[in-house]
Amino acid sequence: MGPLKFFDQRSPANIEKRSRPPSAGLARLSFLWALLFWLAVWQLVSLWVGQELLVPSPLSVGRALLELIGQWQFWASAGMSLLRVLEGFGLGIAAGVAMAGLTLRFSAARSLLTPLLKVIRATPVASFIILALVWLPTGRIPGFISMLMVAPVVWASMEKGVQETDPLLLEMAQLHHMGRWRTLRWIWVPSVAPYLLTACTTGLGFAWKSGVAAEVICRPLLSIGKNLQEAKLYLETPEVFAWTITVAVLSLALEKLLMLAAERVQNRPKERGEIHAP
């Protein structure tokens, strides 16, 4: 290899090409290959077990899913479960932000609420579901449990985001007499937003898992959890897999929508030509 060819390969342009992230088409192709691989593994395991009751084949689950999609009860159940989980998710974000504000502002609130956070984190979800069966109507339990799982995650992330805010920026805001509103807009919000987004993404997964688990136990009308429990009782294993796939797809779709919404909010000031500086 000649020296010119060597330096050409080591040029910044070539290094940049090699360090670029894969394109969207390549990412989709990789995802497709991974999906086909795991479907093949699933099929092999099903053939090895040899009992559809224990491990149904992908084809059986696909047929069951298509049959469910053709029924109005499927869409009604998925929609009601979605509403319950989103209700709990929104209330959990509001509660987490409020508790973070209280604990950061008042030391007495920190002393009172911190043990509560530890208890919620240490207690199994099933225990809260059983207690909620005594306290609340059946239809309210999934949302309550989702809120209970999301609030501590948002609370901890908000506290960390506030504590990690650059004190030099706050000092600069005081020197320039920015005021509370401008300090909140230009310093606090950009500093805390990444932590809040991470908490929301994590909390959304917790909300789905805990909300559907609550539905399995309390069995409200028109819910994914109730259908899961009934499919298990009647030994309809392909339907159990089909409903589980439905939960996973809805969870991934919501997470993707959340990320797109966050990107749009972050890019809106740039599109308007705003400058993020005091």
Protein backbone atom coordinates (compact mmCIF):
# COMPACT_ATOMS: atom_id res chain seq x y z
CA MET A 1 0.00 0.00 0.00
CA GLY A 2 1.46 3.33 -1.03
CA PRO A 3 1.70 6.26 1.38
CA LEU A 4 -0.79 8.34 -0.54
CA LYS A 5 -3.39 5.57 -0.42
CA PHE A 6 -2.71 5.07 3.30
CA PHE A 7 -3.20 8.74 4.12
CA ASP A 8 -6.27 8.89 1.91
CA GLN A 9 -7.87 6.12 3.98
CA ARG A 10 -6.89 7.91 7.20
CA SER A 11 -8.31 11.22 5.99
CA PRO A 12 -11.01 12.89 8.12
CA ALA A 13 -13.63 12.35 5.41
CA ASN A 14 -13.08 8.57 5.36
CA ILE A 15 -12.93 8.38 9.15
CA GLU A 16 -16.23 10.28 9.32
CA LYS A 17 -17.81 7.86 6.83
CA ARG A 18 -16.77 4.84 8.89
CA SER A 19 -17.99 6.43 12.15
CA ARG A 20 -21.39 7.39 10.82
CA PRO A 21 -24.37 5.62 12.40
CA PRO A 22 -26.15 3.07 10.19
CA SER A 23 -28.84 4.42 7.91
CA ALA A 24 -32.54 3.90 8.57
CA GLY A 25 -32.76 1.28 5.82
CA LEU A 26 -29.86 -0.70 7.26
CA ALA A 27 -31.38 -0.49 10.75
CA ARG A 28 -34.70 -1.81 9.45
CA LEU A 29 -32.91 -4.64 7.65
CA SER A 30 -31.03 -5.58 10.82
CA PHE A 31 -34.27 -5.55 12.79
CA LEU A 32 -35.94 -7.77 10.19
CA TRP A 33 -33.10 -10.30 10.29
CA ALA A 34 -33.20 -10.36 14.11
CA LEU A 35 -36.97 -10.84 14.04
CA LEU A 36 -36.68 -13.73 11.56
CA PHE A 37 -33.95 -15.32 13.67
CA TRP A 38 -36.04 -15.30 16.85
CA LEU A 39 -39.12 -16.52 15.00
CA ALA A 40 -37.03 -19.44 13.76
CA VAL A 41 -35.84 -20.13 17.32
CA TRP A 42 -39.44 -19.97 18.53
CA GLN A 43 -40.51 -22.44 15.82
CA LEU A 44 -37.69 -24.84 16.70
CA VAL A 45 -38.57 -24.73 20.41
CA SER A 46 -42.23 -25.38 19.56
CA LEU A 47 -41.26 -28.38 17.42
CA TRP A 48 -38.92 -29.69 20.12
CA VAL A 49 -41.60 -29.43 22.87
CA GLY A 50 -44.20 -30.90 20.54
CA GLN A 51 -47.23 -29.60 22.47
CA GLU A 52 -49.18 -26.57 21.32
CA LEU A 53 -50.62 -26.27 24.82
CA LEU A 54 -47.19 -25.43 26.22
CA VAL A 55 -45.40 -23.65 23.36
CA PRO A 56 -47.60 -22.87 20.37
CA SER A 57 -45.97 -22.27 17.01
CA PRO A 58 -45.66 -18.75 15.55
CA LEU A 59 -48.22 -19.72 12.91
CA SER A 60 -50.79 -20.71 15.56
CA VAL A 61 -50.22 -17.49 17.48
CA GLY A 62 -50.48 -15.49 14.25
CA ARG A 63 -53.82 -17.09 13.43
CA ALA A 64 -55.09 -16.41 16.95
CA LEU A 65 -53.97 -12.78 16.71
CA LEU A 66 -55.71 -12.31 13.35
CA GLU A 67 -58.91 -13.78 14.78
CA LEU A 68 -58.73 -11.41 17.74
CA ILE A 69 -58.08 -8.39 15.51
CA GLY A 70 -61.29 -9.16 13.63
CA GLN A 71 -63.39 -8.85 16.80
CA TRP A 72 -64.66 -5.57 18.21
CA GLN A 73 -63.98 -6.82 21.75
CA PHE A 74 -60.27 -6.85 20.96
CA TRP A 75 -60.20 -3.17 20.01
CA ALA A 76 -62.47 -2.18 22.90
CA SER A 77 -60.34 -4.08 25.41
CA ALA A 78 -57.07 -2.69 24.03
CA GLY A 79 -58.50 0.84 23.98
CA MET A 80 -59.80 0.68 27.56
CA SER A 81 -56.52 -0.76 28.84
CA LEU A 82 -54.68 1.99 26.98
CA LEU A 83 -56.85 4.68 28.58
CA ARG A 84 -56.39 3.24 32.07
CA VAL A 85 -52.62 3.02 31.72
CA LEU A 86 -52.28 6.50 30.21
CA GLU A 87 -54.44 7.94 32.97
CA GLY A 88 -52.20 6.40 35.61
CA PHE A 89 -49.09 7.42 33.68
CA GLY A 90 -50.17 11.06 33.53
CA LEU A 91 -51.16 11.14 37.20
CA GLY A 92 -47.85 9.50 38.11
CA ILE A 93 -45.88 12.19 36.27
CA ALA A 94 -47.87 14.94 37.99
CA ALA A 95 -47.46 13.32 41.41
CA GLY A 96 -43.73 12.72 40.89
CA VAL A 97 -43.08 16.32 39.82
CA ALA A 98 -45.13 17.66 42.75
CA MET A 99 -43.33 15.47 45.30
CA ALA A 100 -39.94 16.40 43.86
CA GLY A 101 -40.84 20.08 44.17
CA LEU A 102 -41.88 19.61 47.79
CA THR A 103 -38.83 17.59 48.83
CA LEU A 104 -36.44 19.99 47.13
CA ARG A 105 -38.11 23.05 48.64
CA PHE A 106 -38.85 21.86 52.17
CA SER A 107 -36.64 19.65 54.33
CA ALA A 108 -39.66 18.56 56.39
CA ALA A 109 -41.35 17.23 53.23
CA ARG A 110 -38.18 15.27 52.40
CA SER A 111 -38.17 13.70 55.86
CA LEU A 112 -41.82 12.71 55.54
CA LEU A 113 -41.93 11.55 51.92
CA THR A 114 -38.58 9.78 51.51
CA PRO A 115 -39.65 6.76 53.62
CA LEU A 116 -42.80 6.54 51.50
CA LEU A 117 -40.66 6.34 48.35
CA LYS A 118 -38.59 3.53 49.85
CA VAL A 119 -41.72 1.60 50.89
CA ILE A 120 -43.25 1.86 47.40
CA ARG A 121 -40.03 0.65 45.79
CA ALA A 122 -39.65 -2.28 48.20
CA THR A 123 -43.26 -3.52 48.18
CA PRO A 124 -44.33 -6.02 45.47
CA VAL A 125 -46.87 -4.75 42.95
CA ALA A 126 -49.22 -7.63 43.80
CA SER A 127 -49.50 -6.37 47.39
CA PHE A 128 -50.64 -2.94 46.23
CA ILE A 129 -53.12 -4.54 43.82
CA ILE A 130 -54.68 -6.64 46.60
CA LEU A 131 -54.92 -3.61 48.89
CA ALA A 132 -56.43 -1.54 46.08
CA LEU A 133 -59.13 -4.19 45.63
CA VAL A 134 -60.36 -3.17 49.10
CA TRP A 135 -60.10 0.56 48.57
CA LEU A 136 -61.10 1.28 44.97
CA PRO A 137 -63.62 0.24 42.30
CA THR A 138 -62.31 -2.43 39.96
CA GLY A 139 -62.03 -0.11 36.95
CA ARG A 140 -59.84 2.37 38.85
CA ILE A 141 -57.26 -0.10 40.14
CA PRO A 142 -55.05 -0.39 36.99
CA GLY A 143 -54.70 3.38 36.72
CA PHE A 144 -53.94 3.70 40.42
CA ILE A 145 -51.27 0.99 40.27
CA SER A 146 -49.72 2.56 37.16
CA MET A 147 -49.55 5.92 38.92
CA LEU A 148 -47.98 4.30 41.97
CA MET A 149 -45.21 2.77 39.85
CA VAL A 150 -44.51 5.89 37.76
CA ALA A 151 -44.46 8.54 40.52
CA PRO A 152 -41.28 7.35 42.32
CA VAL A 153 -39.36 7.10 39.03
CA VAL A 154 -40.29 10.66 38.04
CA TRP A 155 -39.66 11.90 41.57
CA ALA A 156 -36.11 10.52 41.73
CA SER A 157 -35.23 11.72 38.21
CA MET A 158 -36.55 15.22 38.82
CA GLU A 159 -34.55 15.52 42.02
CA LYS A 160 -31.41 14.36 40.25
CA GLY A 161 -32.01 16.75 37.36
CA VAL A 162 -32.37 19.72 39.69
CA GLN A 163 -29.31 18.71 41.72
CA GLU A 164 -27.20 18.28 38.57
CA THR A 165 -28.07 21.75 37.25
CA ASP A 166 -24.92 23.80 36.71
CA PRO A 167 -24.60 26.28 39.63
CA LEU A 168 -22.58 28.63 37.41
CA LEU A 169 -25.62 29.06 35.16
CA LEU A 170 -27.78 29.89 38.16
CA GLU A 171 -25.19 32.37 39.38
CA MET A 172 -25.11 33.98 35.93
CA ALA A 173 -28.90 34.25 35.99
CA GLN A 174 -28.73 36.12 39.28
CA LEU A 175 -26.03 38.46 38.03
CA HIS A 176 -28.07 39.31 34.91
CA HIS A 177 -31.33 39.66 36.91
CA MET A 178 -33.13 37.22 34.66
CA GLY A 179 -36.08 36.73 36.98
CA ARG A 180 -37.81 33.53 38.01
CA TRP A 181 -39.69 32.94 34.77
CA ARG A 182 -36.70 33.38 32.46
CA THR A 183 -34.47 31.34 34.79
CA LEU A 184 -37.06 28.57 34.75
CA ARG A 185 -37.37 28.69 30.96
CA TRP A 186 -33.72 28.98 29.97
CA ILE A 187 -31.91 27.09 32.74
CA TRP A 188 -34.12 24.84 34.84
CA VAL A 189 -36.24 23.37 32.03
CA PRO A 190 -33.32 22.50 29.66
CA SER A 191 -31.37 21.01 32.59
CA VAL A 192 -34.21 18.88 33.96
CA ALA A 193 -35.87 17.91 30.64
CA PRO A 194 -33.46 15.02 29.76
CA TYR A 195 -33.95 13.47 33.19
CA LEU A 196 -37.71 13.84 32.95
CA LEU A 197 -37.74 12.27 29.46
CA THR A 198 -35.72 9.30 30.71
CA ALA A 199 -38.08 8.91 33.65
CA CYS A 200 -41.13 9.07 31.39
CA THR A 201 -39.70 6.44 29.03
CA THR A 202 -38.86 4.11 31.92
CA GLY A 203 -42.09 4.86 33.73
CA LEU A 204 -44.18 4.10 30.66
CA GLY A 205 -42.86 0.54 30.63
CA PHE A 206 -43.56 0.20 34.34
CA ALA A 207 -47.04 1.60 33.84
CA TRP A 208 -47.87 -0.98 31.17
CA LYS A 209 -46.51 -3.93 33.12
CA SER A 210 -48.13 -2.98 36.41
CA GLY A 211 -51.40 -1.85 34.79
CA VAL A 212 -51.90 -5.10 32.87
CA ALA A 213 -50.87 -7.11 35.96
CA ALA A 214 -53.56 -5.28 37.92
CA GLU A 215 -56.10 -6.08 35.20
CA VAL A 216 -55.19 -9.77 35.38
CA ILE A 217 -55.97 -9.81 39.10
CA CYS A 218 -58.96 -7.46 39.34
CA ARG A 219 -60.38 -8.35 35.86
CA PRO A 220 -62.25 -5.16 34.90
CA LEU A 221 -64.62 -5.34 31.95
CA LEU A 222 -63.06 -4.77 28.52
CA SER A 223 -59.39 -5.12 29.46
CA ILE A 224 -56.35 -6.92 28.12
CA GLY A 225 -55.67 -8.43 31.54
CA LYS A 226 -59.12 -9.97 31.79
CA ASN A 227 -58.74 -11.55 28.35
CA LEU A 228 -55.30 -12.86 29.29
CA GLN A 229 -56.68 -14.47 32.43
CA GLU A 230 -59.62 -16.03 30.60
CA ALA A 231 -57.38 -17.40 27.84
CA LYS A 232 -55.18 -18.98 30.50
CA LEU A 233 -58.18 -20.49 32.34
CA TYR A 234 -59.52 -22.05 29.13
CA LEU A 235 -56.00 -23.25 28.14
CA GLU A 236 -56.00 -21.12 24.98
CA THR A 237 -52.22 -20.73 24.92
CA PRO A 238 -52.06 -19.18 21.42
CA GLU A 239 -54.44 -16.45 22.63
CA VAL A 240 -52.24 -15.87 25.69
CA PHE A 241 -49.29 -15.33 23.35
CA ALA A 242 -51.41 -13.13 21.07
CA TRP A 243 -52.52 -10.86 23.92
CA THR A 244 -48.95 -10.71 25.22
CA ILE A 245 -47.74 -9.61 21.78
CA THR A 246 -50.48 -6.97 21.78
CA VAL A 247 -49.21 -5.57 25.09
CA ALA A 248 -45.63 -5.49 23.80
CA VAL A 249 -46.59 -3.78 20.52
CA LEU A 250 -48.69 -1.14 22.26
CA SER A 251 -45.91 -0.46 24.77
CA LEU A 252 -43.28 -0.06 22.03
CA ALA A 253 -45.61 2.14 19.97
CA LEU A 254 -46.30 4.44 22.92
CA GLU A 255 -42.60 4.68 23.72
CA LYS A 256 -41.86 5.60 20.10
CA LEU A 257 -44.59 8.25 20.11
CA LEU A 258 -43.20 9.66 23.34
CA MET A 259 -39.71 9.93 21.86
CA LEU A 260 -41.05 11.60 18.69
CA ALA A 261 -43.05 14.09 20.75
CA ALA A 262 -39.99 14.90 22.85
CA GLU A 263 -37.85 15.46 19.73
CA ARG A 264 -40.49 17.73 18.28
CA VAL A 265 -40.67 19.80 21.46
CA GLN A 266 -36.87 20.07 21.58
CA ASN A 267 -36.60 21.10 17.91
CA ARG A 268 -39.43 23.63 17.99
CA PRO A 269 -37.29 26.51 19.36
CA LYS A 270 -34.68 25.83 16.66
CA GLU A 271 -37.34 25.93 13.95
CA ARG A 272 -38.55 29.26 15.27
CA GLY A 273 -35.02 30.64 15.33
CA GLU A 274 -34.96 31.14 19.09
CA ILE A 275 -31.59 31.38 20.84
CA HIS A 276 -31.19 29.41 24.04
CA ALA A 277 -29.25 32.00 25.90
CA PRO A 278 -30.26 34.75 28.29
